[in-house]
Structure formats: C-alpha cells, structure tokens
Amino acid sequence: MKQGREVRARVNGMIRIDEVRVTAADGESLGIMSTRQAISIAEADGLDLVEVSPTAKPPVCRIMDYGKFRYEKSKKEAETRKRQTVVEIKEIKLRPKTEKHDLDFKIRNIKKFLSQNNKVKVTLRFRGREIVYADTLGREVLDKIAAELTGVATIVQPPMMEGRQMVMMLAPGKK
C-alpha cells in the first residue's frame, strides 16, 4: 500500500501487452503466448489473468482468482498490523528536592508504565542555583529510583546531563 492506496495489478482486459509468459493456477508454466489466448484459458477455468511481474520481458501473468487473492492479501496485511506493538515513551518529571512520599508515588507510576511495556524517561529538572547539586543530589535521586526498580526495569541510558536537566531512560526488564 502506498500513501493509503492499494497498488492494483492489471487484470484481464487491462493487460495491453501482445505476448505474456503465463503461469497456471497450480504453478505450472504454460509458456509464452498471446494475451488473448491466455485470457481465454483463464476464462475457461472461471479465473482471471493477473499481471504479476510487469517489468519482466515478456511480462509474467498468472491465472488465479483475483478477488480471492486481494481478500487474502488484505487479511495478511491486517494480521501484520494487529501483531505490531507500539512502544511509547512515557516521561516522569521530578525536582531534586522531591519528598519521599511523592517520589514513591512517581516510582509506582514508573512501574505501571513499565508493566504496560512502555519505555520511561525520568527527567530531573534543576532550577536556578539547584544546578550546583546536579552531581550529588541529582544523581543520588536517580540512583535511588534505579535501585527501587531493579528486576522490573533495565537502564537503557544511565543518568546524564542535558542542559539544566538530568535524564535517565528505562525499559521494561526481566520479570
């Protein structure tokens, strides 16, 4: 599918080439023949002549039930879309002087996000002169969070400074 539209193959009368290489419904090669002859063979079996490889010399066509082919193709695409998992990145923002109860609450939320198979970005913001405590107090807070989440999360990105904030990335770990 391209830009939300299905690219459709040429079928029966839409094939404008004089000669084509034909493959039967069971996979057997019928050889090179005129397009009219191939269409008549397909119609005799109650099937369609579908252009499979238009760039080949001569183009390759297959005798098949085109409606059934399109249906099965759409089912396969729907199945692959259903199996895809989208990993979101949730963000938890803290300050270096966040109280213990509030920190426990944030850790509970982090565990909830990780149990939903989401990655979590823990951001510790420093305002004004708090930046002086980045290496001591800031790293201490993020290390405490990492210690609370051992076994639940794996640290993808260890604590590091990005401007006036310290960032740590967590991913769901072994359970």
N, C-alpha and C. Protein backbone atom coordinates (compact mmCIF):
# COMPACT_ATOMS: atom_id res chain seq x y z
N MET A 1 0.84 -1.18 0.00
CA MET A 1 0.00 0.00 0.00
C MET A 1 0.88 1.23 0.00
N LYS A 2 0.56 2.15 -0.86
CA LYS A 2 1.34 3.36 -0.99
C LYS A 2 0.46 4.56 -0.73
N GLN A 3 0.84 5.36 0.26
CA GLN A 3 0.11 6.57 0.60
C GLN A 3 -1.38 6.30 0.81
N GLY A 4 -1.70 5.20 1.48
CA GLY A 4 -3.09 4.89 1.82
C GLY A 4 -3.87 4.28 0.68
N ARG A 5 -3.25 4.10 -0.50
CA ARG A 5 -3.95 3.49 -1.63
C ARG A 5 -3.31 2.17 -1.98
N GLU A 6 -4.12 1.21 -2.37
CA GLU A 6 -3.63 -0.09 -2.76
C GLU A 6 -3.16 -0.02 -4.21
N VAL A 7 -1.97 -0.55 -4.48
CA VAL A 7 -1.47 -0.62 -5.83
C VAL A 7 -2.09 -1.86 -6.46
N ARG A 8 -2.94 -1.67 -7.46
CA ARG A 8 -3.66 -2.78 -8.05
C ARG A 8 -2.93 -3.30 -9.27
N ALA A 9 -2.92 -4.61 -9.42
CA ALA A 9 -2.30 -5.24 -10.59
C ALA A 9 -3.28 -5.17 -11.75
N ARG A 10 -2.74 -5.24 -12.97
CA ARG A 10 -3.61 -5.25 -14.15
C ARG A 10 -4.22 -6.63 -14.30
N VAL A 11 -5.50 -6.65 -14.66
CA VAL A 11 -6.25 -7.91 -14.75
C VAL A 11 -6.95 -7.98 -16.10
N ASN A 12 -6.98 -9.18 -16.66
CA ASN A 12 -7.70 -9.49 -17.91
C ASN A 12 -7.55 -8.42 -18.98
N GLY A 13 -8.60 -7.68 -19.32
CA GLY A 13 -8.60 -6.71 -20.42
C GLY A 13 -7.69 -5.52 -20.18
N MET A 14 -7.26 -5.29 -18.94
CA MET A 14 -6.38 -4.16 -18.64
C MET A 14 -4.95 -4.41 -19.11
N ILE A 15 -4.60 -5.68 -19.38
CA ILE A 15 -3.26 -6.03 -19.84
C ILE A 15 -3.17 -5.67 -21.32
N ARG A 16 -2.31 -4.74 -21.68
CA ARG A 16 -2.23 -4.21 -23.05
C ARG A 16 -1.03 -4.75 -23.83
N ILE A 17 -0.33 -5.72 -23.30
CA ILE A 17 0.84 -6.27 -23.96
C ILE A 17 0.39 -7.39 -24.90
N ASP A 18 1.10 -7.56 -26.05
CA ASP A 18 0.71 -8.59 -27.02
C ASP A 18 1.02 -10.00 -26.54
N GLU A 19 2.24 -10.20 -26.00
CA GLU A 19 2.63 -11.53 -25.55
C GLU A 19 3.02 -11.50 -24.08
N VAL A 20 2.64 -12.56 -23.37
CA VAL A 20 2.95 -12.67 -21.95
C VAL A 20 3.41 -14.08 -21.62
N ARG A 21 4.19 -14.21 -20.54
CA ARG A 21 4.58 -15.52 -20.03
C ARG A 21 3.50 -15.91 -19.01
N VAL A 22 2.88 -17.06 -19.17
CA VAL A 22 1.71 -17.44 -18.37
C VAL A 22 2.07 -18.58 -17.42
N THR A 23 1.60 -18.44 -16.18
CA THR A 23 1.73 -19.47 -15.16
C THR A 23 0.32 -19.89 -14.77
N ALA A 24 0.08 -21.19 -14.70
CA ALA A 24 -1.24 -21.71 -14.35
C ALA A 24 -1.51 -21.53 -12.87
N ALA A 25 -2.75 -21.77 -12.45
CA ALA A 25 -3.16 -21.60 -11.06
C ALA A 25 -2.39 -22.54 -10.13
N ASP A 26 -2.00 -23.71 -10.62
CA ASP A 26 -1.27 -24.67 -9.78
C ASP A 26 0.23 -24.42 -9.78
N GLY A 27 0.71 -23.36 -10.49
CA GLY A 27 2.12 -23.00 -10.50
C GLY A 27 2.86 -23.52 -11.71
N GLU A 28 2.21 -24.30 -12.56
CA GLU A 28 2.84 -24.86 -13.75
C GLU A 28 3.00 -23.77 -14.81
N SER A 29 4.15 -23.72 -15.47
CA SER A 29 4.40 -22.73 -16.51
C SER A 29 3.77 -23.17 -17.81
N LEU A 30 2.95 -22.31 -18.41
CA LEU A 30 2.29 -22.62 -19.69
C LEU A 30 3.07 -22.02 -20.86
N GLY A 31 4.10 -21.24 -20.58
CA GLY A 31 4.95 -20.68 -21.62
C GLY A 31 4.50 -19.31 -22.08
N ILE A 32 5.09 -18.85 -23.18
CA ILE A 32 4.78 -17.53 -23.73
C ILE A 32 3.67 -17.69 -24.77
N MET A 33 2.64 -16.85 -24.63
CA MET A 33 1.51 -16.89 -25.57
C MET A 33 0.90 -15.51 -25.69
N SER A 34 -0.02 -15.35 -26.60
CA SER A 34 -0.67 -14.06 -26.78
C SER A 34 -1.59 -13.79 -25.59
N THR A 35 -1.81 -12.53 -25.30
CA THR A 35 -2.64 -12.14 -24.16
C THR A 35 -4.06 -12.63 -24.34
N ARG A 36 -4.59 -12.54 -25.55
CA ARG A 36 -5.97 -13.00 -25.82
C ARG A 36 -6.12 -14.48 -25.52
N GLN A 37 -5.14 -15.27 -25.95
CA GLN A 37 -5.19 -16.73 -25.73
C GLN A 37 -5.13 -17.02 -24.22
N ALA A 38 -4.26 -16.30 -23.49
CA ALA A 38 -4.13 -16.51 -22.05
C ALA A 38 -5.43 -16.14 -21.33
N ILE A 39 -6.07 -15.03 -21.75
CA ILE A 39 -7.34 -14.63 -21.13
C ILE A 39 -8.42 -15.68 -21.39
N SER A 40 -8.45 -16.22 -22.60
CA SER A 40 -9.46 -17.25 -22.91
C SER A 40 -9.24 -18.51 -22.09
N ILE A 41 -7.98 -18.88 -21.84
CA ILE A 41 -7.68 -20.05 -20.99
C ILE A 41 -8.16 -19.78 -19.56
N ALA A 42 -7.89 -18.57 -19.08
CA ALA A 42 -8.29 -18.21 -17.72
C ALA A 42 -9.81 -18.21 -17.58
N GLU A 43 -10.51 -17.64 -18.57
CA GLU A 43 -11.98 -17.58 -18.51
C GLU A 43 -12.60 -18.97 -18.61
N ALA A 44 -11.94 -19.87 -19.34
CA ALA A 44 -12.43 -21.25 -19.44
C ALA A 44 -12.40 -21.93 -18.08
N ASP A 45 -11.44 -21.58 -17.25
CA ASP A 45 -11.34 -22.15 -15.90
C ASP A 45 -12.15 -21.35 -14.88
N GLY A 46 -12.75 -20.22 -15.33
CA GLY A 46 -13.52 -19.37 -14.41
C GLY A 46 -12.63 -18.51 -13.54
N LEU A 47 -11.41 -18.23 -14.02
CA LEU A 47 -10.45 -17.45 -13.24
C LEU A 47 -10.05 -16.19 -14.01
N ASP A 48 -9.10 -15.43 -13.46
CA ASP A 48 -8.63 -14.19 -14.06
C ASP A 48 -7.17 -14.32 -14.46
N LEU A 49 -6.77 -13.52 -15.44
CA LEU A 49 -5.36 -13.42 -15.81
C LEU A 49 -4.82 -12.17 -15.13
N VAL A 50 -3.85 -12.34 -14.23
CA VAL A 50 -3.33 -11.24 -13.42
C VAL A 50 -1.86 -11.03 -13.75
N GLU A 51 -1.49 -9.77 -14.02
CA GLU A 51 -0.11 -9.43 -14.32
C GLU A 51 0.67 -9.40 -13.00
N VAL A 52 1.61 -10.33 -12.84
CA VAL A 52 2.37 -10.47 -11.60
C VAL A 52 3.66 -9.66 -11.66
N SER A 53 4.37 -9.74 -12.77
CA SER A 53 5.64 -9.04 -12.91
C SER A 53 5.62 -8.24 -14.21
N PRO A 54 5.18 -6.97 -14.16
CA PRO A 54 5.05 -6.19 -15.39
C PRO A 54 6.38 -5.74 -16.00
N THR A 55 7.46 -5.76 -15.22
CA THR A 55 8.74 -5.26 -15.73
C THR A 55 9.55 -6.33 -16.46
N ALA A 56 9.16 -7.61 -16.33
CA ALA A 56 9.89 -8.68 -16.99
C ALA A 56 9.68 -8.62 -18.50
N LYS A 57 10.58 -9.25 -19.25
CA LYS A 57 10.45 -9.31 -20.71
C LYS A 57 10.26 -10.76 -21.10
N PRO A 58 9.15 -11.22 -21.55
CA PRO A 58 7.83 -10.58 -21.56
C PRO A 58 7.23 -10.59 -20.17
N PRO A 59 6.23 -9.73 -19.92
CA PRO A 59 5.61 -9.68 -18.58
C PRO A 59 5.05 -11.03 -18.16
N VAL A 60 5.15 -11.32 -16.85
CA VAL A 60 4.66 -12.59 -16.32
C VAL A 60 3.25 -12.40 -15.80
N CYS A 61 2.34 -13.29 -16.22
CA CYS A 61 0.96 -13.26 -15.77
C CYS A 61 0.61 -14.61 -15.15
N ARG A 62 -0.29 -14.57 -14.19
CA ARG A 62 -0.70 -15.81 -13.52
C ARG A 62 -2.21 -15.94 -13.62
N ILE A 63 -2.65 -17.17 -13.81
CA ILE A 63 -4.09 -17.45 -13.84
C ILE A 63 -4.51 -17.74 -12.40
N MET A 64 -5.40 -16.90 -11.87
CA MET A 64 -5.85 -17.05 -10.47
C MET A 64 -7.17 -16.35 -10.27
N ASP A 65 -7.78 -16.59 -9.10
CA ASP A 65 -9.00 -15.88 -8.72
C ASP A 65 -8.55 -14.56 -8.08
N TYR A 66 -8.66 -13.47 -8.80
CA TYR A 66 -8.13 -12.19 -8.35
C TYR A 66 -8.85 -11.67 -7.11
N GLY A 67 -10.16 -11.83 -7.04
CA GLY A 67 -10.92 -11.39 -5.87
C GLY A 67 -10.46 -12.08 -4.60
N LYS A 68 -10.25 -13.40 -4.70
CA LYS A 68 -9.78 -14.18 -3.55
C LYS A 68 -8.35 -13.76 -3.18
N PHE A 69 -7.53 -13.50 -4.18
CA PHE A 69 -6.15 -13.07 -3.96
C PHE A 69 -6.11 -11.75 -3.20
N ARG A 70 -6.92 -10.77 -3.62
CA ARG A 70 -6.97 -9.47 -2.94
C ARG A 70 -7.49 -9.61 -1.51
N TYR A 71 -8.48 -10.47 -1.31
CA TYR A 71 -9.05 -10.68 0.02
C TYR A 71 -7.98 -11.26 0.95
N GLU A 72 -7.28 -12.29 0.50
CA GLU A 72 -6.25 -12.92 1.34
C GLU A 72 -5.10 -11.96 1.63
N LYS A 73 -4.76 -11.13 0.64
CA LYS A 73 -3.70 -10.14 0.83
C LYS A 73 -4.10 -9.12 1.89
N SER A 74 -5.35 -8.64 1.84
CA SER A 74 -5.80 -7.66 2.84
C SER A 74 -5.87 -8.29 4.23
N LYS A 75 -6.23 -9.58 4.30
CA LYS A 75 -6.25 -10.29 5.60
C LYS A 75 -4.84 -10.38 6.18
N LYS A 76 -3.86 -10.70 5.34
CA LYS A 76 -2.47 -10.79 5.81
C LYS A 76 -1.98 -9.45 6.32
N GLU A 77 -2.29 -8.37 5.57
CA GLU A 77 -1.87 -7.03 6.00
C GLU A 77 -2.52 -6.64 7.32
N ALA A 78 -3.79 -6.97 7.49
CA ALA A 78 -4.49 -6.67 8.75
C ALA A 78 -3.86 -7.44 9.90
N GLU A 79 -3.48 -8.68 9.64
CA GLU A 79 -2.86 -9.52 10.67
C GLU A 79 -1.50 -8.95 11.09
N THR A 80 -0.71 -8.49 10.11
CA THR A 80 0.60 -7.93 10.46
C THR A 80 0.44 -6.62 11.22
N ARG A 81 -0.58 -5.81 10.87
CA ARG A 81 -0.82 -4.57 11.63
C ARG A 81 -1.24 -4.89 13.06
N LYS A 82 -2.01 -5.96 13.23
CA LYS A 82 -2.50 -6.31 14.55
C LYS A 82 -1.36 -6.80 15.44
N ARG A 83 -0.38 -7.47 14.85
CA ARG A 83 0.72 -8.02 15.63
C ARG A 83 1.76 -6.98 16.04
N GLN A 84 1.76 -5.83 15.38
CA GLN A 84 2.74 -4.81 15.70
C GLN A 84 2.44 -4.21 17.07
N THR A 85 3.50 -4.04 17.85
CA THR A 85 3.33 -3.38 19.14
C THR A 85 4.01 -2.03 19.09
N VAL A 86 3.33 -1.04 19.53
CA VAL A 86 3.87 0.32 19.53
C VAL A 86 4.39 0.61 20.94
N VAL A 87 5.69 0.90 21.02
CA VAL A 87 6.29 1.20 22.30
C VAL A 87 6.28 2.72 22.47
N GLU A 88 5.59 3.17 23.49
CA GLU A 88 5.55 4.60 23.77
C GLU A 88 6.62 4.94 24.79
N ILE A 89 7.03 6.19 24.77
CA ILE A 89 7.96 6.67 25.79
C ILE A 89 7.18 7.60 26.71
N LYS A 90 7.03 7.16 27.96
CA LYS A 90 6.35 7.97 28.97
C LYS A 90 7.42 8.76 29.71
N GLU A 91 7.05 9.95 30.16
CA GLU A 91 8.03 10.79 30.85
C GLU A 91 7.55 11.11 32.27
N ILE A 92 8.45 10.95 33.22
CA ILE A 92 8.20 11.31 34.61
C ILE A 92 9.16 12.45 34.94
N LYS A 93 8.60 13.57 35.41
CA LYS A 93 9.43 14.74 35.74
C LYS A 93 9.51 14.90 37.24
N LEU A 94 10.72 15.15 37.71
CA LEU A 94 10.98 15.33 39.14
C LEU A 94 11.81 16.59 39.36
N ARG A 95 11.92 16.96 40.62
CA ARG A 95 12.83 18.02 41.07
C ARG A 95 13.80 17.37 42.05
N PRO A 96 14.97 17.95 42.26
CA PRO A 96 15.95 17.32 43.16
C PRO A 96 15.47 17.22 44.61
N LYS A 97 14.58 18.12 45.03
CA LYS A 97 14.13 18.10 46.43
C LYS A 97 12.73 17.51 46.56
N THR A 98 12.35 16.59 45.68
CA THR A 98 11.05 15.93 45.77
C THR A 98 11.00 15.09 47.04
N GLU A 99 9.91 15.21 47.78
CA GLU A 99 9.77 14.49 49.05
C GLU A 99 9.63 12.98 48.83
N LYS A 100 9.88 12.20 49.88
CA LYS A 100 9.89 10.74 49.80
C LYS A 100 8.54 10.19 49.33
N HIS A 101 7.43 10.67 49.88
CA HIS A 101 6.11 10.16 49.50
C HIS A 101 5.83 10.41 48.02
N ASP A 102 6.17 11.63 47.56
CA ASP A 102 5.95 11.97 46.16
C ASP A 102 6.85 11.12 45.24
N LEU A 103 8.05 10.86 45.70
CA LEU A 103 8.98 10.02 44.94
C LEU A 103 8.45 8.60 44.84
N ASP A 104 7.91 8.08 45.96
CA ASP A 104 7.32 6.73 45.94
C ASP A 104 6.14 6.67 44.97
N PHE A 105 5.35 7.73 44.92
CA PHE A 105 4.21 7.80 44.01
C PHE A 105 4.70 7.77 42.55
N LYS A 106 5.76 8.52 42.26
CA LYS A 106 6.34 8.54 40.91
C LYS A 106 6.89 7.17 40.54
N ILE A 107 7.53 6.50 41.49
CA ILE A 107 8.08 5.17 41.24
C ILE A 107 6.96 4.18 40.94
N ARG A 108 5.83 4.31 41.64
CA ARG A 108 4.67 3.46 41.38
C ARG A 108 4.17 3.67 39.95
N ASN A 109 4.13 4.93 39.51
CA ASN A 109 3.72 5.22 38.13
C ASN A 109 4.71 4.65 37.12
N ILE A 110 6.00 4.73 37.42
CA ILE A 110 7.01 4.18 36.53
C ILE A 110 6.80 2.67 36.39
N LYS A 111 6.55 1.99 37.51
CA LYS A 111 6.30 0.54 37.47
C LYS A 111 5.08 0.21 36.62
N LYS A 112 4.03 1.05 36.74
CA LYS A 112 2.82 0.84 35.95
C LYS A 112 3.11 0.98 34.46
N PHE A 113 3.87 2.01 34.09
CA PHE A 113 4.21 2.22 32.69
C PHE A 113 5.06 1.07 32.15
N LEU A 114 6.00 0.61 32.96
CA LEU A 114 6.87 -0.49 32.52
C LEU A 114 6.08 -1.79 32.37
N SER A 115 5.07 -2.00 33.22
CA SER A 115 4.25 -3.21 33.11
C SER A 115 3.40 -3.19 31.84
N GLN A 116 3.17 -1.99 31.28
CA GLN A 116 2.43 -1.86 30.02
C GLN A 116 3.38 -1.88 28.82
N ASN A 117 4.62 -2.33 29.04
CA ASN A 117 5.67 -2.42 28.01
C ASN A 117 6.00 -1.08 27.36
N ASN A 118 5.98 -0.02 28.13
CA ASN A 118 6.39 1.30 27.64
C ASN A 118 7.76 1.64 28.20
N LYS A 119 8.53 2.42 27.45
CA LYS A 119 9.78 2.93 27.98
C LYS A 119 9.46 4.16 28.81
N VAL A 120 10.32 4.45 29.79
CA VAL A 120 10.09 5.59 30.67
C VAL A 120 11.34 6.47 30.68
N LYS A 121 11.10 7.76 30.48
CA LYS A 121 12.18 8.75 30.55
C LYS A 121 12.00 9.51 31.86
N VAL A 122 12.96 9.38 32.75
CA VAL A 122 12.91 10.06 34.03
C VAL A 122 13.74 11.33 33.91
N THR A 123 13.07 12.48 34.09
CA THR A 123 13.73 13.78 33.93
C THR A 123 13.77 14.48 35.29
N LEU A 124 14.96 14.89 35.68
CA LEU A 124 15.17 15.60 36.93
C LEU A 124 15.54 17.03 36.56
N ARG A 125 14.65 17.99 36.84
CA ARG A 125 14.86 19.39 36.46
C ARG A 125 15.52 20.18 37.57
N PHE A 126 16.45 21.02 37.19
CA PHE A 126 17.13 21.89 38.14
C PHE A 126 16.78 23.33 37.83
N ARG A 127 16.36 24.07 38.85
CA ARG A 127 16.03 25.49 38.67
C ARG A 127 17.04 26.35 39.43
N GLY A 128 17.38 27.44 38.82
CA GLY A 128 18.26 28.41 39.49
C GLY A 128 19.56 27.80 39.97
N ARG A 129 19.82 27.98 41.27
CA ARG A 129 21.09 27.51 41.85
C ARG A 129 21.09 26.03 42.20
N GLU A 130 19.97 25.34 41.97
CA GLU A 130 19.93 23.89 42.22
C GLU A 130 20.90 23.14 41.33
N ILE A 131 21.31 23.75 40.22
CA ILE A 131 22.21 23.10 39.27
C ILE A 131 23.53 22.72 39.93
N VAL A 132 23.86 23.40 41.03
CA VAL A 132 25.10 23.11 41.76
C VAL A 132 25.05 21.69 42.33
N TYR A 133 23.85 21.21 42.66
CA TYR A 133 23.68 19.89 43.27
C TYR A 133 23.46 18.77 42.24
N ALA A 134 23.67 19.06 40.97
CA ALA A 134 23.38 18.08 39.93
C ALA A 134 24.16 16.78 40.13
N ASP A 135 25.46 16.89 40.39
CA ASP A 135 26.27 15.68 40.51
C ASP A 135 26.05 14.95 41.82
N THR A 136 25.65 15.64 42.87
CA THR A 136 25.48 14.98 44.16
C THR A 136 24.03 14.59 44.38
N LEU A 137 23.20 15.55 44.65
CA LEU A 137 21.80 15.30 45.00
C LEU A 137 21.02 14.71 43.82
N GLY A 138 21.25 15.24 42.62
CA GLY A 138 20.54 14.77 41.43
C GLY A 138 20.82 13.32 41.12
N ARG A 139 22.11 12.97 41.07
CA ARG A 139 22.48 11.58 40.77
C ARG A 139 22.00 10.65 41.88
N GLU A 140 21.99 11.14 43.11
CA GLU A 140 21.52 10.35 44.25
C GLU A 140 20.04 9.97 44.07
N VAL A 141 19.22 10.94 43.63
CA VAL A 141 17.79 10.69 43.43
C VAL A 141 17.58 9.66 42.32
N LEU A 142 18.29 9.81 41.20
CA LEU A 142 18.12 8.87 40.08
C LEU A 142 18.67 7.49 40.43
N ASP A 143 19.74 7.43 41.21
CA ASP A 143 20.27 6.14 41.65
C ASP A 143 19.27 5.45 42.57
N LYS A 144 18.59 6.22 43.42
CA LYS A 144 17.58 5.68 44.32
C LYS A 144 16.42 5.08 43.51
N ILE A 145 16.00 5.79 42.47
CA ILE A 145 14.93 5.28 41.60
C ILE A 145 15.38 4.00 40.91
N ALA A 146 16.61 3.98 40.39
CA ALA A 146 17.14 2.79 39.72
C ALA A 146 17.20 1.61 40.69
N ALA A 147 17.58 1.87 41.94
CA ALA A 147 17.66 0.80 42.94
C ALA A 147 16.27 0.24 43.25
N GLU A 148 15.25 1.10 43.30
CA GLU A 148 13.87 0.66 43.56
C GLU A 148 13.34 -0.20 42.43
N LEU A 149 13.84 0.02 41.22
CA LEU A 149 13.30 -0.66 40.04
C LEU A 149 14.15 -1.83 39.57
N THR A 150 15.10 -2.29 40.37
CA THR A 150 15.91 -3.44 39.96
C THR A 150 15.00 -4.65 39.80
N GLY A 151 15.17 -5.35 38.71
CA GLY A 151 14.34 -6.51 38.41
C GLY A 151 13.11 -6.16 37.59
N VAL A 152 12.64 -4.94 37.70
CA VAL A 152 11.46 -4.50 36.95
C VAL A 152 11.88 -3.80 35.67
N ALA A 153 13.00 -3.05 35.76
CA ALA A 153 13.43 -2.24 34.62
C ALA A 153 14.92 -2.44 34.34
N THR A 154 15.29 -2.19 33.09
CA THR A 154 16.69 -2.14 32.73
C THR A 154 17.00 -0.70 32.32
N ILE A 155 18.17 -0.25 32.69
CA ILE A 155 18.56 1.13 32.39
C ILE A 155 19.13 1.16 30.96
N VAL A 156 18.40 1.82 30.07
CA VAL A 156 18.83 1.94 28.68
C VAL A 156 19.86 3.04 28.56
N GLN A 157 19.60 4.16 29.23
CA GLN A 157 20.52 5.30 29.22
C GLN A 157 20.77 5.71 30.66
N PRO A 158 21.99 5.60 31.13
CA PRO A 158 22.28 5.99 32.51
C PRO A 158 22.08 7.50 32.69
N PRO A 159 21.99 7.97 33.94
CA PRO A 159 21.77 9.40 34.18
C PRO A 159 22.85 10.26 33.52
N MET A 160 22.39 11.26 32.77
CA MET A 160 23.32 12.19 32.15
C MET A 160 22.67 13.56 32.02
N MET A 161 23.50 14.58 32.01
CA MET A 161 23.00 15.96 31.96
C MET A 161 22.65 16.34 30.53
N GLU A 162 21.50 17.02 30.39
CA GLU A 162 21.09 17.62 29.12
C GLU A 162 20.63 19.03 29.45
N GLY A 163 21.52 19.97 29.34
CA GLY A 163 21.19 21.34 29.70
C GLY A 163 21.01 21.48 31.20
N ARG A 164 19.83 21.93 31.64
CA ARG A 164 19.55 22.10 33.06
C ARG A 164 18.77 20.93 33.64
N GLN A 165 18.79 19.79 32.96
CA GLN A 165 18.09 18.63 33.49
C GLN A 165 18.94 17.37 33.34
N MET A 166 18.72 16.44 34.23
CA MET A 166 19.40 15.16 34.20
C MET A 166 18.37 14.13 33.74
N VAL A 167 18.75 13.29 32.78
CA VAL A 167 17.83 12.36 32.16
C VAL A 167 18.32 10.93 32.29
N MET A 168 17.40 10.00 32.57
CA MET A 168 17.69 8.58 32.61
C MET A 168 16.56 7.86 31.86
N MET A 169 16.90 6.90 31.01
CA MET A 169 15.91 6.17 30.22
C MET A 169 15.82 4.74 30.74
N LEU A 170 14.58 4.27 30.95
CA LEU A 170 14.35 2.92 31.45
C LEU A 170 13.49 2.15 30.46
N ALA A 171 13.72 0.85 30.39
CA ALA A 171 12.92 -0.03 29.54
C ALA A 171 12.43 -1.19 30.39
N PRO A 172 11.33 -1.84 29.97
CA PRO A 172 10.85 -3.00 30.73
C PRO A 172 11.94 -4.06 30.81
N GLY A 173 12.13 -4.59 32.01
CA GLY A 173 13.18 -5.58 32.23
C GLY A 173 12.63 -6.95 32.46
N LYS A 174 13.48 -7.81 32.99
CA LYS A 174 13.08 -9.19 33.29
C LYS A 174 12.13 -9.20 34.47
N LYS A 175 11.17 -10.12 34.41
CA LYS A 175 10.20 -10.20 35.50
C LYS A 175 10.39 -11.43 36.33
